[in-house]
PDB file of N, CA and C in Angstrom:
ATOM      1  N   MET A   1     125.846 103.993  71.868  1.00  0.00           N
ATOM      2  CA  MET A   1     127.085 104.317  72.417  1.00  0.00           C
ATOM      3  C   MET A   1     127.604 103.298  73.277  1.00  0.00           C
ATOM      4  N   PRO A   2     128.873 102.736  72.992  1.00  0.00           N
ATOM      5  CA  PRO A   2     129.324 101.606  73.732  1.00  0.00           C
ATOM      6  C   PRO A   2     129.499 102.011  75.250  1.00  0.00           C
ATOM      7  N   ARG A   3     129.435 100.805  75.889  1.00  0.00           N
ATOM      8  CA  ARG A   3     129.634 100.860  77.483  1.00  0.00           C
ATOM      9  C   ARG A   3     131.048 101.089  77.764  1.00  0.00           C
ATOM     10  N   LEU A   4     131.428 102.055  78.581  1.00  0.00           N
ATOM     11  CA  LEU A   4     132.884 102.338  78.889  1.00  0.00           C
ATOM     12  C   LEU A   4     133.207 101.375  80.160  1.00  0.00           C
ATOM     13  N   PHE A   5     134.170 100.630  79.975  1.00  0.00           N
ATOM     14  CA  PHE A   5     134.529  99.535  80.902  1.00  0.00           C
ATOM     15  C   PHE A   5     135.459 100.064  81.970  1.00  0.00           C
ATOM     16  N   HIS A   6     136.117 101.456  81.856  1.00  0.00           N
ATOM     17  CA  HIS A   6     137.014 101.854  82.767  1.00  0.00           C
ATOM     18  C   HIS A   6     136.277 102.512  83.947  1.00  0.00           C
ATOM     19  N   THR A   7     135.118 102.678  83.780  1.00  0.00           N
ATOM     20  CA  THR A   7     134.362 103.161  85.022  1.00  0.00           C
ATOM     21  C   THR A   7     133.952 101.989  86.003  1.00  0.00           C
ATOM     22  N   PRO A   8     134.224 102.122  87.360  1.00  0.00           N
ATOM     23  CA  PRO A   8     133.913 101.108  88.269  1.00  0.00           C
ATOM     24  C   PRO A   8     132.437 101.124  88.407  1.00  0.00           C
ATOM     25  N   PRO A   9     131.963  99.723  88.556  1.00  0.00           N
ATOM     26  CA  PRO A   9     130.414  99.452  88.787  1.00  0.00           C
ATOM     27  C   PRO A   9     130.030 100.280  90.080  1.00  0.00           C
ATOM     28  N   LYS A  10     128.818 100.595  90.101  1.00  0.00           N
ATOM     29  CA  LYS A  10     128.354 101.359  91.263  1.00  0.00           C
ATOM     30  C   LYS A  10     127.901 100.386  92.447  1.00  0.00           C
ATOM     31  N   TYR A  11     128.126 100.860  93.601  1.00  0.00           N
ATOM     32  CA  TYR A  11     127.570 100.257  94.788  1.00  0.00           C
ATOM     33  C   TYR A  11     126.197 100.784  94.905  1.00  0.00           C
ATOM     34  N   ARG A  12     125.160  99.747  95.070  1.00  0.00           N
ATOM     35  CA  ARG A  12     123.902 100.254  95.068  1.00  0.00           C
ATOM     36  C   ARG A  12     123.087  99.200  95.954  1.00  0.00           C
ATOM     37  N   ARG A  13     121.835  99.672  96.217  1.00  0.00           N
ATOM     38  CA  ARG A  13     120.960  98.806  97.132  1.00  0.00           C
ATOM     39  C   ARG A  13     119.927  98.304  96.284  1.00  0.00           C
ATOM     40  N   HIS A  14     119.745  96.986  96.844  1.00  0.00           N
ATOM     41  CA  HIS A  14     118.711  96.063  96.262  1.00  0.00           C
ATOM     42  C   HIS A  14     117.586  96.316  97.112  1.00  0.00           C
ATOM     43  N   LYS A  15     116.501  96.963  96.462  1.00  0.00           N
ATOM     44  CA  LYS A  15     115.339  97.568  97.285  1.00  0.00           C
ATOM     45  C   LYS A  15     114.544  96.494  98.134  1.00  0.00           C
ATOM     46  N   SER A  16     114.236  95.352  97.544  1.00  0.00           N
ATOM     47  CA  SER A  16     113.452  94.393  98.363  1.00  0.00           C
ATOM     48  C   SER A  16     114.170  93.809  99.478  1.00  0.00           C
ATOM     49  N   THR A  17     115.466  93.470  99.375  1.00  0.00           N
ATOM     50  CA  THR A  17     116.268  92.958 100.617  1.00  0.00           C
ATOM     51  C   THR A  17     116.988  93.901 101.333  1.00  0.00           C
ATOM     52  N   GLN A  18     117.016  95.187 100.897  1.00  0.00           N
ATOM     53  CA  GLN A  18     117.915  96.253 101.557  1.00  0.00           C
ATOM     54  C   GLN A  18     119.326  95.807 101.673  1.00  0.00           C
ATOM     55  N   GLN A  19     119.736  94.939 100.607  1.00  0.00           N
ATOM     56  CA  GLN A  19     121.203  94.508 100.572  1.00  0.00           C
ATOM     57  C   GLN A  19     122.092  95.403  99.590  1.00  0.00           C
ATOM     58  N   ALA A  20     123.280  95.577  99.961  1.00  0.00           N
ATOM     59  CA  ALA A  20     124.123  96.257  99.012  1.00  0.00           C
ATOM     60  C   ALA A  20     124.558  95.354  97.944  1.00  0.00           C
ATOM     61  N   ILE A  21     124.409  95.724  96.667  1.00  0.00           N
ATOM     62  CA  ILE A  21     124.960  94.790  95.546  1.00  0.00           C
ATOM     63  C   ILE A  21     125.929  95.635  94.609  1.00  0.00           C
ATOM     64  N   VAL A  22     126.617  94.827  93.857  1.00  0.00           N
ATOM     65  CA  VAL A  22     127.520  95.445  92.710  1.00  0.00           C
ATOM     66  C   VAL A  22     127.456  94.198  91.676  1.00  0.00           C
ATOM     67  N   GLU A  23     127.617  94.701  90.455  1.00  0.00           N
ATOM     68  CA  GLU A  23     127.680  93.716  89.336  1.00  0.00           C
ATOM     69  C   GLU A  23     128.905  93.989  88.616  1.00  0.00           C
ATOM     70  N   PHE A  24     129.696  92.782  88.539  1.00  0.00           N
ATOM     71  CA  PHE A  24     130.814  92.828  87.889  1.00  0.00           C
ATOM     72  C   PHE A  24     130.816  91.646  86.778  1.00  0.00           C
ATOM     73  N   GLY A  25     130.952  92.144  85.552  1.00  0.00           N
ATOM     74  CA  GLY A  25     130.901  91.105  84.421  1.00  0.00           C
ATOM     75  C   GLY A  25     129.692  90.355  84.341  1.00  0.00           C
ATOM     76  N   GLY A  26     128.504  90.931  84.691  1.00  0.00           N
ATOM     77  CA  GLY A  26     127.174  90.371  84.606  1.00  0.00           C
ATOM     78  C   GLY A  26     126.916  89.502  85.775  1.00  0.00           C
ATOM     79  N   LYS A  27     127.824  89.356  86.680  1.00  0.00           N
ATOM     80  CA  LYS A  27     127.537  88.617  87.961  1.00  0.00           C
ATOM     81  C   LYS A  27     127.164  89.621  89.194  1.00  0.00           C
ATOM     82  N   ARG A  28     126.079  89.242  89.849  1.00  0.00           N
ATOM     83  CA  ARG A  28     125.685  90.151  90.955  1.00  0.00           C
ATOM     84  C   ARG A  28     126.208  89.573  92.259  1.00  0.00           C
ATOM     85  N   ILE A  29     126.898  90.448  92.905  1.00  0.00           N
ATOM     86  CA  ILE A  29     127.527  90.209  94.219  1.00  0.00           C
ATOM     87  C   ILE A  29     126.772  90.844  95.265  1.00  0.00           C
ATOM     88  N   TYR A  30     126.301  90.156  96.328  1.00  0.00           N
ATOM     89  CA  TYR A  30     125.604  90.736  97.415  1.00  0.00           C
ATOM     90  C   TYR A  30     126.697  90.892  98.511  1.00  0.00           C
ATOM     91  N   LEU A  31     126.768  92.316  99.081  1.00  0.00           N
ATOM     92  CA  LEU A  31     127.790  92.647  99.901  1.00  0.00           C
ATOM     93  C   LEU A  31     127.445  92.666 101.288  1.00  0.00           C
ATOM     94  N   GLY A  32     126.077  92.720 101.666  1.00  0.00           N
ATOM     95  CA  GLY A  32     125.675  92.755 103.173  1.00  0.00           C
ATOM     96  C   GLY A  32     124.634  93.825 103.273  1.00  0.00           C
ATOM     97  N   PRO A  33     124.200  94.211 104.446  1.00  0.00           N
ATOM     98  CA  PRO A  33     123.264  95.342 104.611  1.00  0.00           C
ATOM     99  C   PRO A  33     123.846  96.685 104.072  1.00  0.00           C
ATOM    100  N   TYR A  34     122.972  97.209 103.323  1.00  0.00           N
ATOM    101  CA  TYR A  34     123.337  98.427 102.433  1.00  0.00           C
ATOM    102  C   TYR A  34     123.828  99.609 103.554  1.00  0.00           C
ATOM    103  N   GLY A  35     124.853 100.312 103.201  1.00  0.00           N
ATOM    104  CA  GLY A  35     125.406 101.344 104.148  1.00  0.00           C
ATOM    105  C   GLY A  35     126.205 100.997 105.110  1.00  0.00           C
ATOM    106  N   SER A  36     126.389  99.541 105.497  1.00  0.00           N
ATOM    107  CA  SER A  36     127.275  99.159 106.556  1.00  0.00           C
ATOM    108  C   SER A  36     128.870  99.256 106.095  1.00  0.00           C
ATOM    109  N   ALA A  37     129.554  99.315 107.169  1.00  0.00           N
ATOM    110  CA  ALA A  37     131.058  99.309 106.950  1.00  0.00           C
ATOM    111  C   ALA A  37     131.436  97.907 106.303  1.00  0.00           C
ATOM    112  N   LYS A  38     130.881  96.896 106.734  1.00  0.00           N
ATOM    113  CA  LYS A  38     131.237  95.771 106.104  1.00  0.00           C
ATOM    114  C   LYS A  38     130.923  95.614 104.580  1.00  0.00           C
ATOM    115  N   SER A  39     129.847  96.165 104.282  1.00  0.00           N
ATOM    116  CA  SER A  39     129.483  96.018 102.758  1.00  0.00           C
ATOM    117  C   SER A  39     130.444  97.072 101.977  1.00  0.00           C
ATOM    118  N   HIS A  40     130.845  98.005 102.611  1.00  0.00           N
ATOM    119  CA  HIS A  40     131.754  98.856 101.901  1.00  0.00           C
ATOM    120  C   HIS A  40     133.141  98.220 101.721  1.00  0.00           C
ATOM    121  N   GLU A  41     133.514  97.520 102.725  1.00  0.00           N
ATOM    122  CA  GLU A  41     134.714  96.856 102.738  1.00  0.00           C
ATOM    123  C   GLU A  41     134.805  95.643 101.683  1.00  0.00           C
ATOM    124  N   ARG A  42     133.619  95.103 101.623  1.00  0.00           N
ATOM    125  CA  ARG A  42     133.506  93.824 100.660  1.00  0.00           C
ATOM    126  C   ARG A  42     133.518  94.524  99.276  1.00  0.00           C
ATOM    127  N   TYR A  43     133.037  95.673  99.164  1.00  0.00           N
ATOM    128  CA  TYR A  43     132.992  96.266  97.804  1.00  0.00           C
ATOM    129  C   TYR A  43     134.385  96.665  97.349  1.00  0.00           C
ATOM    130  N   GLN A  44     135.178  97.109  98.241  1.00  0.00           N
ATOM    131  CA  GLN A  44     136.657  97.457  97.968  1.00  0.00           C
ATOM    132  C   GLN A  44     137.258  96.307  97.605  1.00  0.00           C
ATOM    133  N   GLN A  45     137.065  95.171  98.276  1.00  0.00           N
ATOM    134  CA  GLN A  45     137.664  93.887  98.064  1.00  0.00           C
ATOM    135  C   GLN A  45     137.308  93.406  96.607  1.00  0.00           C
ATOM    136  N   ALA A  46     136.068  93.435  96.382  1.00  0.00           N
ATOM    137  CA  ALA A  46     135.556  92.790  95.081  1.00  0.00           C
ATOM    138  C   ALA A  46     136.148  93.630  93.926  1.00  0.00           C
ATOM    139  N   SER A  47     136.054  94.959  94.114  1.00  0.00           N
ATOM    140  CA  SER A  47     136.601  95.882  93.002  1.00  0.00           C
ATOM    141  C   SER A  47     138.205  95.616  92.779  1.00  0.00           C
ATOM    142  N   ARG A  48     138.939  95.409  93.934  1.00  0.00           N
ATOM    143  CA  ARG A  48     140.184  95.260  93.801  1.00  0.00           C
ATOM    144  C   ARG A  48     140.679  93.859  93.141  1.00  0.00           C
ATOM    145  N   SER A  49     139.890  92.837  93.442  1.00  0.00           N
ATOM    146  CA  SER A  49     140.202  91.637  92.889  1.00  0.00           C
ATOM    147  C   SER A  49     139.849  91.498  91.529  1.00  0.00           C
ATOM    148  N   THR A  50     138.656  92.248  91.146  1.00  0.00           N
ATOM    149  CA  THR A  50     138.218  92.144  89.716  1.00  0.00           C
ATOM    150  C   THR A  50     139.182  93.012  89.006  1.00  0.00           C
ATOM    151  N   ARG A  51     139.758  94.085  89.416  1.00  0.00           N
ATOM    152  CA  ARG A  51     140.799  94.869  88.663  1.00  0.00           C
ATOM    153  C   ARG A  51     142.014  94.217  88.393  1.00  0.00           C
ATOM    154  N   LEU A  52     142.501  93.446  89.390  1.00  0.00           N
ATOM    155  CA  LEU A  52     143.550  92.681  89.337  1.00  0.00           C
ATOM    156  C   LEU A  52     143.494  91.431  88.234  1.00  0.00           C
ATOM    157  N   SER A  53     142.335  90.741  88.272  1.00  0.00           N
ATOM    158  CA  SER A  53     142.133  89.655  87.266  1.00  0.00           C
ATOM    159  C   SER A  53     141.875  90.283  85.867  1.00  0.00           C
ATOM    160  N   HIS A  54     141.375  91.404  85.804  1.00  0.00           N
ATOM    161  CA  HIS A  54     141.143  92.000  84.520  1.00  0.00           C
ATOM    162  C   HIS A  54     142.339  92.529  83.868  1.00  0.00           C
ATOM    163  N   ASP A  55     143.452  92.967  84.800  1.00  0.00           N
ATOM    164  CA  ASP A  55     144.806  93.408  84.298  1.00  0.00           C
ATOM    165  C   ASP A  55     145.541  92.089  83.932  1.00  0.00           C
ATOM    166  N   ILE A  56     145.465  90.916  84.482  1.00  0.00           N
ATOM    167  CA  ILE A  56     146.163  89.810  84.216  1.00  0.00           C
ATOM    168  C   ILE A  56     145.562  89.279  82.823  1.00  0.00           C
ATOM    169  N   ASP A  57     144.359  89.446  82.465  1.00  0.00           N
ATOM    170  CA  ASP A  57     143.808  88.935  81.268  1.00  0.00           C
ATOM    171  C   ASP A  57     144.248  89.618  79.998  1.00  0.00           C
ATOM    172  N   ARG A  58     144.699  90.902  80.257  1.00  0.00           N
ATOM    173  CA  ARG A  58     145.180  91.775  79.166  1.00  0.00           C
ATOM    174  C   ARG A  58     146.468  91.241  78.561  1.00  0.00           C
TER     175      ARG A  58
END
C-alpha cells in the first residue's frame, strides 16, 4: 500500500537521547527535550514551513 503523504509526520521521542524528533522528507529534525513547550513550538514551525514549501512545489 502506498504511503499517504497528506498525513503529517508524528512528533516522537528518540529513546537514547530523550529528544523530540520528526522526519520530513527523509530528514530527521531534532526539536529539543521531548515534551517541552519549546519542542512543540519547533514542531509547529517545521510543519508549517514544510507545508508551505510543499505547496509551492506543486
